PDB file of N, CA and C in Angstrom:
ATOM      1  N   MET A   1     -29.248-130.008  -4.789  1.00  0.00           N
ATOM      2  CA  MET A   1     -28.110-130.856  -5.056  1.00  0.00           C
ATOM      3  C   MET A   1     -28.586-132.263  -5.385  1.00  0.00           C
ATOM      4  N   SER A   2     -28.078-132.826  -6.454  1.00  0.00           N
ATOM      5  CA  SER A   2     -28.490-134.166  -6.825  1.00  0.00           C
ATOM      6  C   SER A   2     -27.745-135.228  -6.020  1.00  0.00           C
ATOM      7  N   LYS A   3     -26.562-134.930  -5.569  1.00  0.00           N
ATOM      8  CA  LYS A   3     -25.760-135.854  -4.776  1.00  0.00           C
ATOM      9  C   LYS A   3     -25.475-135.197  -3.437  1.00  0.00           C
ATOM     10  N   GLU A   4     -25.534-135.983  -2.391  1.00  0.00           N
ATOM     11  CA  GLU A   4     -25.183-135.426  -1.091  1.00  0.00           C
ATOM     12  C   GLU A   4     -23.669-135.469  -0.937  1.00  0.00           C
ATOM     13  N   PHE A   5     -23.055-134.328  -0.965  1.00  0.00           N
ATOM     14  CA  PHE A   5     -21.609-134.226  -0.840  1.00  0.00           C
ATOM     15  C   PHE A   5     -21.205-134.259   0.628  1.00  0.00           C
ATOM     16  N   ILE A   6     -20.059-134.864   0.903  1.00  0.00           N
ATOM     17  CA  ILE A   6     -19.523-134.933   2.253  1.00  0.00           C
ATOM     18  C   ILE A   6     -18.318-134.007   2.329  1.00  0.00           C
ATOM     19  N   ILE A   7     -18.379-133.060   3.260  1.00  0.00           N
ATOM     20  CA  ILE A   7     -17.311-132.090   3.461  1.00  0.00           C
ATOM     21  C   ILE A   7     -16.657-132.369   4.804  1.00  0.00           C
ATOM     22  N   SER A   8     -15.341-132.559   4.809  1.00  0.00           N
ATOM     23  CA  SER A   8     -14.596-132.720   6.055  1.00  0.00           C
ATOM     24  C   SER A   8     -14.060-131.362   6.477  1.00  0.00           C
ATOM     25  N   VAL A   9     -14.398-130.960   7.692  1.00  0.00           N
ATOM     26  CA  VAL A   9     -13.951-129.681   8.245  1.00  0.00           C
ATOM     27  C   VAL A   9     -12.909-129.974   9.311  1.00  0.00           C
ATOM     28  N   ILE A  10     -11.712-129.416   9.111  1.00  0.00           N
ATOM     29  CA  ILE A  10     -10.596-129.668  10.027  1.00  0.00           C
ATOM     30  C   ILE A  10     -10.103-128.319  10.543  1.00  0.00           C
ATOM     31  N   ASP A  11     -10.314-128.076  11.835  1.00  0.00           N
ATOM     32  CA  ASP A  11      -9.881-126.811  12.432  1.00  0.00           C
ATOM     33  C   ASP A  11      -9.788-126.993  13.936  1.00  0.00           C
ATOM     34  N   ASP A  12      -8.718-126.502  14.534  1.00  0.00           N
ATOM     35  CA  ASP A  12      -8.536-126.630  15.976  1.00  0.00           C
ATOM     36  C   ASP A  12      -9.319-125.585  16.771  1.00  0.00           C
ATOM     37  N   ASP A  13      -9.914-124.620  16.103  1.00  0.00           N
ATOM     38  CA  ASP A  13     -10.740-123.607  16.751  1.00  0.00           C
ATOM     39  C   ASP A  13     -12.178-124.137  16.790  1.00  0.00           C
ATOM     40  N   GLU A  14     -12.586-124.614  17.965  1.00  0.00           N
ATOM     41  CA  GLU A  14     -13.891-125.274  18.087  1.00  0.00           C
ATOM     42  C   GLU A  14     -15.056-124.381  17.684  1.00  0.00           C
ATOM     43  N   SER A  15     -15.050-123.117  18.080  1.00  0.00           N
ATOM     44  CA  SER A  15     -16.183-122.243  17.758  1.00  0.00           C
ATOM     45  C   SER A  15     -16.272-122.011  16.250  1.00  0.00           C
ATOM     46  N   PHE A  16     -15.130-121.819  15.590  1.00  0.00           N
ATOM     47  CA  PHE A  16     -15.139-121.653  14.136  1.00  0.00           C
ATOM     48  C   PHE A  16     -15.615-122.935  13.458  1.00  0.00           C
ATOM     49  N   ARG A  17     -15.076-124.074  13.896  1.00  0.00           N
ATOM     50  CA  ARG A  17     -15.432-125.365  13.305  1.00  0.00           C
ATOM     51  C   ARG A  17     -16.938-125.624  13.443  1.00  0.00           C
ATOM     52  N   THR A  18     -17.478-125.363  14.617  1.00  0.00           N
ATOM     53  CA  THR A  18     -18.903-125.572  14.864  1.00  0.00           C
ATOM     54  C   THR A  18     -19.755-124.675  13.967  1.00  0.00           C
ATOM     55  N   ALA A  19     -19.359-123.414  13.847  1.00  0.00           N
ATOM     56  CA  ALA A  19     -20.106-122.482  12.996  1.00  0.00           C
ATOM     57  C   ALA A  19     -20.045-122.910  11.532  1.00  0.00           C
ATOM     58  N   LEU A  20     -18.871-123.318  11.067  1.00  0.00           N
ATOM     59  CA  LEU A  20     -18.716-123.733   9.672  1.00  0.00           C
ATOM     60  C   LEU A  20     -19.520-124.998   9.380  1.00  0.00           C
ATOM     61  N   VAL A  21     -19.475-125.948  10.288  1.00  0.00           N
ATOM     62  CA  VAL A  21     -20.260-127.174  10.114  1.00  0.00           C
ATOM     63  C   VAL A  21     -21.751-126.838  10.056  1.00  0.00           C
ATOM     64  N   GLY A  22     -22.198-125.925  10.921  1.00  0.00           N
ATOM     65  CA  GLY A  22     -23.600-125.509  10.909  1.00  0.00           C
ATOM     66  C   GLY A  22     -23.992-124.883   9.580  1.00  0.00           C
ATOM     67  N   LEU A  23     -23.131-124.021   9.053  1.00  0.00           N
ATOM     68  CA  LEU A  23     -23.391-123.393   7.755  1.00  0.00           C
ATOM     69  C   LEU A  23     -23.489-124.456   6.660  1.00  0.00           C
ATOM     70  N   LEU A  24     -22.519-125.348   6.607  1.00  0.00           N
ATOM     71  CA  LEU A  24     -22.503-126.371   5.557  1.00  0.00           C
ATOM     72  C   LEU A  24     -23.726-127.284   5.629  1.00  0.00           C
ATOM     73  N   ARG A  25     -24.111-127.646   6.837  1.00  0.00           N
ATOM     74  CA  ARG A  25     -25.307-128.490   6.992  1.00  0.00           C
ATOM     75  C   ARG A  25     -26.563-127.743   6.559  1.00  0.00           C
ATOM     76  N   SER A  26     -26.624-126.444   6.840  1.00  0.00           N
ATOM     77  CA  SER A  26     -27.793-125.653   6.430  1.00  0.00           C
ATOM     78  C   SER A  26     -27.894-125.566   4.910  1.00  0.00           C
ATOM     79  N   LEU A  27     -26.765-125.752   4.230  1.00  0.00           N
ATOM     80  CA  LEU A  27     -26.734-125.724   2.769  1.00  0.00           C
ATOM     81  C   LEU A  27     -26.981-127.104   2.159  1.00  0.00           C
ATOM     82  N   GLY A  28     -27.172-128.109   3.009  1.00  0.00           N
ATOM     83  CA  GLY A  28     -27.486-129.449   2.524  1.00  0.00           C
ATOM     84  C   GLY A  28     -26.314-130.394   2.406  1.00  0.00           C
ATOM     85  N   TYR A  29     -25.139-129.970   2.883  1.00  0.00           N
ATOM     86  CA  TYR A  29     -23.969-130.847   2.832  1.00  0.00           C
ATOM     87  C   TYR A  29     -23.923-131.738   4.068  1.00  0.00           C
ATOM     88  N   GLU A  30     -23.440-132.947   3.879  1.00  0.00           N
ATOM     89  CA  GLU A  30     -23.127-133.804   5.016  1.00  0.00           C
ATOM     90  C   GLU A  30     -21.724-133.403   5.456  1.00  0.00           C
ATOM     91  N   THR A  31     -21.473-133.404   6.751  1.00  0.00           N
ATOM     92  CA  THR A  31     -20.154-132.973   7.225  1.00  0.00           C
ATOM     93  C   THR A  31     -19.541-133.993   8.168  1.00  0.00           C
ATOM     94  N   GLN A  32     -18.233-133.957   8.204  1.00  0.00           N
ATOM     95  CA  GLN A  32     -17.437-134.669   9.197  1.00  0.00           C
ATOM     96  C   GLN A  32     -16.565-133.592   9.807  1.00  0.00           C
ATOM     97  N   GLU A  33     -16.399-133.598  11.124  1.00  0.00           N
ATOM     98  CA  GLU A  33     -15.559-132.558  11.720  1.00  0.00           C
ATOM     99  C   GLU A  33     -14.438-133.171  12.540  1.00  0.00           C
ATOM    100  N   PHE A  34     -13.285-132.508  12.431  1.00  0.00           N
ATOM    101  CA  PHE A  34     -12.075-132.980  13.098  1.00  0.00           C
ATOM    102  C   PHE A  34     -11.356-131.791  13.702  1.00  0.00           C
ATOM    103  N   MET A  35     -10.776-131.986  14.917  1.00  0.00           N
ATOM    104  CA  MET A  35     -10.077-130.883  15.571  1.00  0.00           C
ATOM    105  C   MET A  35      -8.619-130.788  15.162  1.00  0.00           C
ATOM    106  N   SER A  36      -8.148-131.735  14.348  1.00  0.00           N
ATOM    107  CA  SER A  36      -6.770-131.655  13.861  1.00  0.00           C
ATOM    108  C   SER A  36      -6.624-132.490  12.593  1.00  0.00           C
ATOM    109  N   ALA A  37      -5.576-132.181  11.847  1.00  0.00           N
ATOM    110  CA  ALA A  37      -5.275-132.972  10.654  1.00  0.00           C
ATOM    111  C   ALA A  37      -4.877-134.386  11.048  1.00  0.00           C
ATOM    112  N   VAL A  38      -4.187-134.517  12.176  1.00  0.00           N
ATOM    113  CA  VAL A  38      -3.794-135.842  12.663  1.00  0.00           C
ATOM    114  C   VAL A  38      -5.038-136.681  12.966  1.00  0.00           C
ATOM    115  N   GLU A  39      -6.023-136.076  13.633  1.00  0.00           N
ATOM    116  CA  GLU A  39      -7.270-136.792  13.927  1.00  0.00           C
ATOM    117  C   GLU A  39      -7.958-137.220  12.625  1.00  0.00           C
ATOM    118  N   PHE A  40      -7.967-136.347  11.635  1.00  0.00           N
ATOM    119  CA  PHE A  40      -8.571-136.667  10.344  1.00  0.00           C
ATOM    120  C   PHE A  40      -7.866-137.868   9.713  1.00  0.00           C
ATOM    121  N   ILE A  41      -6.543-137.850   9.654  1.00  0.00           N
ATOM    122  CA  ILE A  41      -5.786-138.944   9.049  1.00  0.00           C
ATOM    123  C   ILE A  41      -6.018-140.242   9.826  1.00  0.00           C
ATOM    124  N   GLU A  42      -5.964-140.164  11.139  1.00  0.00           N
ATOM    125  CA  GLU A  42      -6.144-141.360  11.962  1.00  0.00           C
ATOM    126  C   GLU A  42      -7.554-141.932  11.875  1.00  0.00           C
ATOM    127  N   SER A  43      -8.526-141.109  11.494  1.00  0.00           N
ATOM    128  CA  SER A  43      -9.917-141.572  11.392  1.00  0.00           C
ATOM    129  C   SER A  43     -10.125-142.522  10.221  1.00  0.00           C
ATOM    130  N   GLY A  44      -9.251-142.424   9.217  1.00  0.00           N
ATOM    131  CA  GLY A  44      -9.420-143.248   8.020  1.00  0.00           C
ATOM    132  C   GLY A  44     -10.512-142.740   7.094  1.00  0.00           C
ATOM    133  N   GLU A  45     -11.007-141.532   7.321  1.00  0.00           N
ATOM    134  CA  GLU A  45     -12.114-140.983   6.536  1.00  0.00           C
ATOM    135  C   GLU A  45     -11.651-140.226   5.298  1.00  0.00           C
ATOM    136  N   GLU A  46     -10.365-140.166   5.039  1.00  0.00           N
ATOM    137  CA  GLU A  46      -9.881-139.339   3.935  1.00  0.00           C
ATOM    138  C   GLU A  46     -10.454-139.746   2.592  1.00  0.00           C
ATOM    139  N   GLY A  47     -10.781-141.008   2.423  1.00  0.00           N
ATOM    140  CA  GLY A  47     -11.336-141.456   1.152  1.00  0.00           C
ATOM    141  C   GLY A  47     -12.843-141.318   1.042  1.00  0.00           C
ATOM    142  N   SER A  48     -13.493-140.905   2.136  1.00  0.00           N
ATOM    143  CA  SER A  48     -14.957-140.854   2.114  1.00  0.00           C
ATOM    144  C   SER A  48     -15.520-139.448   1.944  1.00  0.00           C
ATOM    145  N   CYS A  49     -14.652-138.450   1.793  1.00  0.00           N
ATOM    146  CA  CYS A  49     -15.177-137.090   1.650  1.00  0.00           C
ATOM    147  C   CYS A  49     -14.964-136.578   0.236  1.00  0.00           C
ATOM    148  N   ASP A  50     -15.775-135.593  -0.125  1.00  0.00           N
ATOM    149  CA  ASP A  50     -15.726-135.000  -1.461  1.00  0.00           C
ATOM    150  C   ASP A  50     -14.917-133.707  -1.495  1.00  0.00           C
ATOM    151  N   CYS A  51     -14.704-133.105  -0.329  1.00  0.00           N
ATOM    152  CA  CYS A  51     -13.930-131.870  -0.234  1.00  0.00           C
ATOM    153  C   CYS A  51     -13.481-131.720   1.219  1.00  0.00           C
ATOM    154  N   ILE A  52     -12.342-131.071   1.398  1.00  0.00           N
ATOM    155  CA  ILE A  52     -11.806-130.791   2.733  1.00  0.00           C
ATOM    156  C   ILE A  52     -11.685-129.284   2.892  1.00  0.00           C
ATOM    157  N   VAL A  53     -12.162-128.777   4.028  1.00  0.00           N
ATOM    158  CA  VAL A  53     -11.936-127.392   4.414  1.00  0.00           C
ATOM    159  C   VAL A  53     -11.051-127.466   5.657  1.00  0.00           C
ATOM    160  N   THR A  54      -9.824-126.967   5.550  1.00  0.00           N
ATOM    161  CA  THR A  54      -8.880-127.111   6.652  1.00  0.00           C
ATOM    162  C   THR A  54      -8.187-125.806   6.999  1.00  0.00           C
ATOM    163  N   ASP A  55      -7.866-125.693   8.261  1.00  0.00           N
ATOM    164  CA  ASP A  55      -7.089-124.548   8.738  1.00  0.00           C
ATOM    165  C   ASP A  55      -5.650-124.704   8.255  1.00  0.00           C
ATOM    166  N   PHE A  56      -5.014-123.596   7.993  1.00  0.00           N
ATOM    167  CA  PHE A  56      -3.621-123.605   7.563  1.00  0.00           C
ATOM    168  C   PHE A  56      -2.693-123.939   8.727  1.00  0.00           C
ATOM    169  N   CYS A  57      -2.938-123.309   9.882  1.00  0.00           N
ATOM    170  CA  CYS A  57      -2.035-123.425  11.024  1.00  0.00           C
ATOM    171  C   CYS A  57      -2.702-124.193  12.157  1.00  0.00           C
ATOM    172  N   MET A  58      -2.203-125.416  12.391  1.00  0.00           N
ATOM    173  CA  MET A  58      -2.696-126.257  13.488  1.00  0.00           C
ATOM    174  C   MET A  58      -1.499-126.960  14.117  1.00  0.00           C
ATOM    175  N   PRO A  59      -1.629-127.356  15.386  1.00  0.00           N
ATOM    176  CA  PRO A  59      -0.534-128.081  16.034  1.00  0.00           C
ATOM    177  C   PRO A  59      -0.250-129.419  15.327  1.00  0.00           C
ATOM    178  N   LYS A  60       0.974-129.829  15.343  1.00  0.00           N
ATOM    179  CA  LYS A  60       1.485-131.100  14.814  1.00  0.00           C
ATOM    180  C   LYS A  60       1.469-131.200  13.291  1.00  0.00           C
ATOM    181  N   MET A  61       0.342-130.939  12.659  1.00  0.00           N
ATOM    182  CA  MET A  61       0.251-131.029  11.199  1.00  0.00           C
ATOM    183  C   MET A  61      -0.647-129.913  10.688  1.00  0.00           C
ATOM    184  N   GLY A  62      -0.070-128.998   9.932  1.00  0.00           N
ATOM    185  CA  GLY A  62      -0.833-127.892   9.367  1.00  0.00           C
ATOM    186  C   GLY A  62      -1.465-128.280   8.040  1.00  0.00           C
ATOM    187  N   GLY A  63      -2.177-127.350   7.474  1.00  0.00           N
ATOM    188  CA  GLY A  63      -2.885-127.600   6.220  1.00  0.00           C
ATOM    189  C   GLY A  63      -1.986-127.977   5.053  1.00  0.00           C
ATOM    190  N   LEU A  64      -0.830-127.310   4.925  1.00  0.00           N
ATOM    191  CA  LEU A  64       0.082-127.648   3.823  1.00  0.00           C
ATOM    192  C   LEU A  64       0.654-129.054   3.992  1.00  0.00           C
ATOM    193  N   ASP A  65       0.989-129.416   5.233  1.00  0.00           N
ATOM    194  CA  ASP A  65       1.486-130.767   5.496  1.00  0.00           C
ATOM    195  C   ASP A  65       0.413-131.811   5.156  1.00  0.00           C
ATOM    196  N   LEU A  66      -0.831-131.482   5.478  1.00  0.00           N
ATOM    197  CA  LEU A  66      -1.927-132.391   5.167  1.00  0.00           C
ATOM    198  C   LEU A  66      -2.066-132.591   3.661  1.00  0.00           C
ATOM    199  N   ILE A  67      -2.032-131.504   2.902  1.00  0.00           N
ATOM    200  CA  ILE A  67      -2.136-131.609   1.446  1.00  0.00           C
ATOM    201  C   ILE A  67      -0.984-132.450   0.892  1.00  0.00           C
ATOM    202  N   GLU A  68       0.202-132.217   1.401  1.00  0.00           N
ATOM    203  CA  GLU A  68       1.376-132.972   0.940  1.00  0.00           C
ATOM    204  C   GLU A  68       1.202-134.470   1.212  1.00  0.00           C
ATOM    205  N   LEU A  69       0.728-134.813   2.399  1.00  0.00           N
ATOM    206  CA  LEU A  69       0.507-136.222   2.749  1.00  0.00           C
ATOM    207  C   LEU A  69      -0.572-136.841   1.863  1.00  0.00           C
ATOM    208  N   LEU A  70      -1.678-136.139   1.690  1.00  0.00           N
ATOM    209  CA  LEU A  70      -2.760-136.659   0.859  1.00  0.00           C
ATOM    210  C   LEU A  70      -2.303-136.841  -0.583  1.00  0.00           C
ATOM    211  N   SER A  71      -1.559-135.884  -1.082  1.00  0.00           N
ATOM    212  CA  SER A  71      -1.043-135.963  -2.448  1.00  0.00           C
ATOM    213  C   SER A  71      -0.111-137.161  -2.610  1.00  0.00           C
ATOM    214  N   ALA A  72       0.747-137.389  -1.627  1.00  0.00           N
ATOM    215  CA  ALA A  72       1.667-138.535  -1.666  1.00  0.00           C
ATOM    216  C   ALA A  72       0.900-139.855  -1.672  1.00  0.00           C
ATOM    217  N   ARG A  73      -0.291-139.847  -1.096  1.00  0.00           N
ATOM    218  CA  ARG A  73      -1.138-141.046  -1.067  1.00  0.00           C
ATOM    219  C   ARG A  73      -2.013-141.160  -2.308  1.00  0.00           C
ATOM    220  N   GLY A  74      -1.891-140.201  -3.224  1.00  0.00           N
ATOM    221  CA  GLY A  74      -2.652-140.235  -4.464  1.00  0.00           C
ATOM    222  C   GLY A  74      -4.044-139.643  -4.385  1.00  0.00           C
ATOM    223  N   SER A  75      -4.334-138.930  -3.306  1.00  0.00           N
ATOM    224  CA  SER A  75      -5.668-138.332  -3.131  1.00  0.00           C
ATOM    225  C   SER A  75      -5.884-137.188  -4.114  1.00  0.00           C
ATOM    226  N   LYS A  76      -7.077-137.125  -4.647  1.00  0.00           N
ATOM    227  CA  LYS A  76      -7.476-136.045  -5.553  1.00  0.00           C
ATOM    228  C   LYS A  76      -8.570-135.173  -4.923  1.00  0.00           C
ATOM    229  N   VAL A  77      -8.830-135.365  -3.627  1.00  0.00           N
ATOM    230  CA  VAL A  77      -9.886-134.615  -2.943  1.00  0.00           C
ATOM    231  C   VAL A  77      -9.499-133.141  -2.901  1.00  0.00           C
ATOM    232  N   PRO A  78     -10.375-132.252  -3.383  1.00  0.00           N
ATOM    233  CA  PRO A  78     -10.060-130.823  -3.354  1.00  0.00           C
ATOM    234  C   PRO A  78     -10.002-130.294  -1.920  1.00  0.00           C
ATOM    235  N   VAL A  79      -9.092-129.348  -1.704  1.00  0.00           N
ATOM    236  CA  VAL A  79      -8.875-128.774  -0.376  1.00  0.00           C
ATOM    237  C   VAL A  79      -9.044-127.264  -0.438  1.00  0.00           C
ATOM    238  N   ILE A  80      -9.850-126.755   0.465  1.00  0.00           N
ATOM    239  CA  ILE A  80     -10.008-125.318   0.663  1.00  0.00           C
ATOM    240  C   ILE A  80      -9.299-124.996   1.967  1.00  0.00           C
ATOM    241  N   MET A  81      -8.361-124.065   1.898  1.00  0.00           N
ATOM    242  CA  MET A  81      -7.559-123.701   3.061  1.00  0.00           C
ATOM    243  C   MET A  81      -8.103-122.405   3.650  1.00  0.00           C
ATOM    244  N   VAL A  82      -8.130-122.346   4.994  1.00  0.00           N
ATOM    245  CA  VAL A  82      -8.549-121.125   5.689  1.00  0.00           C
ATOM    246  C   VAL A  82      -7.468-120.757   6.705  1.00  0.00           C
ATOM    247  N   THR A  83      -7.372-119.474   6.999  1.00  0.00           N
ATOM    248  CA  THR A  83      -6.420-119.031   8.015  1.00  0.00           C
ATOM    249  C   THR A  83      -6.911-117.755   8.674  1.00  0.00           C
ATOM    250  N   GLY A  84      -6.538-117.604   9.916  1.00  0.00           N
ATOM    251  CA  GLY A  84      -6.789-116.364  10.639  1.00  0.00           C
ATOM    252  C   GLY A  84      -5.522-115.542  10.768  1.00  0.00           C
ATOM    253  N   ARG A  85      -4.421-116.081  10.212  1.00  0.00           N
ATOM    254  CA  ARG A  85      -3.118-115.430  10.325  1.00  0.00           C
ATOM    255  C   ARG A  85      -2.479-115.249   8.953  1.00  0.00           C
ATOM    256  N   PRO A  86      -2.974-114.299   8.164  1.00  0.00           N
ATOM    257  CA  PRO A  86      -2.371-114.092   6.849  1.00  0.00           C
ATOM    258  C   PRO A  86      -0.946-113.563   6.990  1.00  0.00           C
ATOM    259  N   GLU A  87      -0.101-113.971   6.087  1.00  0.00           N
ATOM    260  CA  GLU A  87       1.280-113.510   6.083  1.00  0.00           C
ATOM    261  C   GLU A  87       1.732-113.353   4.641  1.00  0.00           C
ATOM    262  N   PRO A  88       2.743-112.532   4.396  1.00  0.00           N
ATOM    263  CA  PRO A  88       3.226-112.346   3.027  1.00  0.00           C
ATOM    264  C   PRO A  88       3.646-113.689   2.400  1.00  0.00           C
ATOM    265  N   GLY A  89       3.229-113.892   1.169  1.00  0.00           N
ATOM    266  CA  GLY A  89       3.608-115.095   0.438  1.00  0.00           C
ATOM    267  C   GLY A  89       2.749-116.311   0.708  1.00  0.00           C
ATOM    268  N   LEU A  90       1.830-116.209   1.653  1.00  0.00           N
ATOM    269  CA  LEU A  90       1.020-117.370   2.018  1.00  0.00           C
ATOM    270  C   LEU A  90       0.110-117.813   0.878  1.00  0.00           C
ATOM    271  N   GLU A  91      -0.515-116.863   0.202  1.00  0.00           N
ATOM    272  CA  GLU A  91      -1.402-117.234  -0.909  1.00  0.00           C
ATOM    273  C   GLU A  91      -0.648-117.992  -1.991  1.00  0.00           C
ATOM    274  N   ALA A  92       0.574-117.592  -2.273  1.00  0.00           N
ATOM    275  CA  ALA A  92       1.379-118.280  -3.287  1.00  0.00           C
ATOM    276  C   ALA A  92       1.720-119.700  -2.839  1.00  0.00           C
ATOM    277  N   LYS A  93       2.071-119.869  -1.556  1.00  0.00           N
ATOM    278  CA  LYS A  93       2.363-121.209  -1.025  1.00  0.00           C
ATOM    279  C   LYS A  93       1.152-122.119  -1.152  1.00  0.00           C
ATOM    280  N   VAL A  94      -0.009-121.591  -0.777  1.00  0.00           N
ATOM    281  CA  VAL A  94      -1.240-122.378  -0.819  1.00  0.00           C
ATOM    282  C   VAL A  94      -1.592-122.730  -2.263  1.00  0.00           C
ATOM    283  N   ALA A  95      -1.463-121.762  -3.158  1.00  0.00           N
ATOM    284  CA  ALA A  95      -1.753-122.025  -4.575  1.00  0.00           C
ATOM    285  C   ALA A  95      -0.810-123.093  -5.124  1.00  0.00           C
ATOM    286  N   ALA A  96       0.465-123.016  -4.767  1.00  0.00           N
ATOM    287  CA  ALA A  96       1.445-123.993  -5.240  1.00  0.00           C
ATOM    288  C   ALA A  96       1.173-125.392  -4.702  1.00  0.00           C
ATOM    289  N   SER A  97       0.492-125.480  -3.568  1.00  0.00           N
ATOM    290  CA  SER A  97       0.198-126.779  -2.963  1.00  0.00           C
ATOM    291  C   SER A  97      -0.903-127.532  -3.713  1.00  0.00           C
ATOM    292  N   GLY A  98      -1.652-126.793  -4.535  1.00  0.00           N
ATOM    293  CA  GLY A  98      -2.763-127.409  -5.249  1.00  0.00           C
ATOM    294  C   GLY A  98      -4.111-127.183  -4.592  1.00  0.00           C
ATOM    295  N   ALA A  99      -4.130-126.435  -3.492  1.00  0.00           N
ATOM    296  CA  ALA A  99      -5.407-126.128  -2.836  1.00  0.00           C
ATOM    297  C   ALA A  99      -6.284-125.305  -3.774  1.00  0.00           C
ATOM    298  N   VAL A 100      -7.576-125.414  -3.594  1.00  0.00           N
ATOM    299  CA  VAL A 100      -8.532-124.662  -4.407  1.00  0.00           C
ATOM    300  C   VAL A 100      -8.369-123.167  -4.167  1.00  0.00           C
ATOM    301  N   CYS A 101      -8.198-122.783  -2.903  1.00  0.00           N
ATOM    302  CA  CYS A 101      -8.079-121.369  -2.554  1.00  0.00           C
ATOM    303  C   CYS A 101      -7.613-121.225  -1.117  1.00  0.00           C
ATOM    304  N   LEU A 102      -7.338-119.990  -0.738  1.00  0.00           N
ATOM    305  CA  LEU A 102      -7.069-119.622   0.645  1.00  0.00           C
ATOM    306  C   LEU A 102      -8.081-118.555   1.032  1.00  0.00           C
ATOM    307  N   LEU A 103      -8.846-118.830   2.067  1.00  0.00           N
ATOM    308  CA  LEU A 103      -9.804-117.859   2.593  1.00  0.00           C
ATOM    309  C   LEU A 103      -9.268-117.327   3.918  1.00  0.00           C
ATOM    310  N   ILE A 104      -9.329-116.018   4.090  1.00  0.00           N
ATOM    311  CA  ILE A 104      -8.854-115.367   5.309  1.00  0.00           C
ATOM    312  C   ILE A 104     -10.042-115.184   6.254  1.00  0.00           C
ATOM    313  N   LYS A 105      -9.916-115.724   7.475  1.00  0.00           N
ATOM    314  CA  LYS A 105     -10.970-115.587   8.489  1.00  0.00           C
ATOM    315  C   LYS A 105     -11.009-114.148   8.979  1.00  0.00           C
ATOM    316  N   PRO A 106     -12.159-113.584   9.228  1.00  0.00           N
ATOM    317  CA  PRO A 106     -13.476-114.106   8.862  1.00  0.00           C
ATOM    318  C   PRO A 106     -13.731-113.857   7.376  1.00  0.00           C
ATOM    319  N   PHE A 107     -14.324-114.806   6.725  1.00  0.00           N
ATOM    320  CA  PHE A 107     -14.592-114.675   5.297  1.00  0.00           C
ATOM    321  C   PHE A 107     -16.093-114.685   5.053  1.00  0.00           C
ATOM    322  N   ASP A 108     -16.460-114.203   3.893  1.00  0.00           N
ATOM    323  CA  ASP A 108     -17.851-114.126   3.487  1.00  0.00           C
ATOM    324  C   ASP A 108     -18.371-115.520   3.137  1.00  0.00           C
ATOM    325  N   ASP A 109     -19.543-115.874   3.645  1.00  0.00           N
ATOM    326  CA  ASP A 109     -20.131-117.185   3.357  1.00  0.00           C
ATOM    327  C   ASP A 109     -20.253-117.435   1.854  1.00  0.00           C
ATOM    328  N   ASP A 110     -20.611-116.392   1.109  1.00  0.00           N
ATOM    329  CA  ASP A 110     -20.772-116.552  -0.342  1.00  0.00           C
ATOM    330  C   ASP A 110     -19.457-116.921  -1.025  1.00  0.00           C
ATOM    331  N   ALA A 111     -18.351-116.416  -0.505  1.00  0.00           N
ATOM    332  CA  ALA A 111     -17.046-116.774  -1.074  1.00  0.00           C
ATOM    333  C   ALA A 111     -16.789-118.263  -0.865  1.00  0.00           C
ATOM    334  N   LEU A 112     -17.046-118.754   0.334  1.00  0.00           N
ATOM    335  CA  LEU A 112     -16.874-120.181   0.610  1.00  0.00           C
ATOM    336  C   LEU A 112     -17.775-121.010  -0.285  1.00  0.00           C
ATOM    337  N   ILE A 113     -19.023-120.617  -0.415  1.00  0.00           N
ATOM    338  CA  ILE A 113     -19.981-121.358  -1.243  1.00  0.00           C
ATOM    339  C   ILE A 113     -19.494-121.425  -2.685  1.00  0.00           C
ATOM    340  N   GLY A 114     -19.015-120.308  -3.200  1.00  0.00           N
ATOM    341  CA  GLY A 114     -18.507-120.278  -4.573  1.00  0.00           C
ATOM    342  C   GLY A 114     -17.336-121.232  -4.767  1.00  0.00           C
ATOM    343  N   TYR A 115     -16.404-121.227  -3.834  1.00  0.00           N
ATOM    344  CA  TYR A 115     -15.250-122.126  -3.947  1.00  0.00           C
ATOM    345  C   TYR A 115     -15.655-123.587  -3.759  1.00  0.00           C
ATOM    346  N   LEU A 116     -16.618-123.836  -2.881  1.00  0.00           N
ATOM    347  CA  LEU A 116     -17.114-125.210  -2.713  1.00  0.00           C
ATOM    348  C   LEU A 116     -17.740-125.721  -4.008  1.00  0.00           C
ATOM    349  N   GLU A 117     -18.580-124.884  -4.614  1.00  0.00           N
ATOM    350  CA  GLU A 117     -19.219-125.286  -5.860  1.00  0.00           C
ATOM    351  C   GLU A 117     -18.184-125.538  -6.951  1.00  0.00           C
ATOM    352  N   ARG A 118     -17.148-124.707  -6.989  1.00  0.00           N
ATOM    353  CA  ARG A 118     -16.073-124.910  -7.946  1.00  0.00           C
ATOM    354  C   ARG A 118     -15.334-126.217  -7.674  1.00  0.00           C
ATOM    355  N   ALA A 119     -15.020-126.461  -6.407  1.00  0.00           N
ATOM    356  CA  ALA A 119     -14.283-127.678  -6.026  1.00  0.00           C
ATOM    357  C   ALA A 119     -15.088-128.938  -6.328  1.00  0.00           C
ATOM    358  N   LEU A 120     -16.395-128.850  -6.097  1.00  0.00           N
ATOM    359  CA  LEU A 120     -17.268-130.022  -6.298  1.00  0.00           C
ATOM    360  C   LEU A 120     -17.818-130.103  -7.713  1.00  0.00           C
ATOM    361  N   LYS A 121     -17.527-129.079  -8.502  1.00  0.00           N
ATOM    362  CA  LYS A 121     -17.987-129.003  -9.898  1.00  0.00           C
ATOM    363  C   LYS A 121     -19.506-129.084  -9.994  1.00  0.00           C
ATOM    364  N   ILE A 122     -20.174-128.228  -9.150  1.00  0.00           N
ATOM    365  CA  ILE A 122     -21.647-128.176  -9.198  1.00  0.00           C
ATOM    366  C   ILE A 122     -22.107-126.787  -9.578  1.00  0.00           C
TER     367      ILE A 122
END
């Protein structure tokens, strides 16, 4: 990688978040990790990342709410959504939100890598 990309990982499941951060770091990405979308917004780091990987369903503010807030603020940061609770129509909702994709946990590392490369245009 010619540029060190910063990926923000937002997930309330600590074990999943830790594993994902470990994977991303092993691939050479710098990471920021947050246990909620609210924590991410309150951190003020939204403008410092190149991509966001966020859980769809979290307390207080879910992934779709986060995308809506970021979009209202004019953010163009690509978002990859993940969920452990697939439901009918969810993929269409996520696609309509402007997210890069929806990955269903557990997902293949190569699928995440492919979507990250697409989101970062590398």
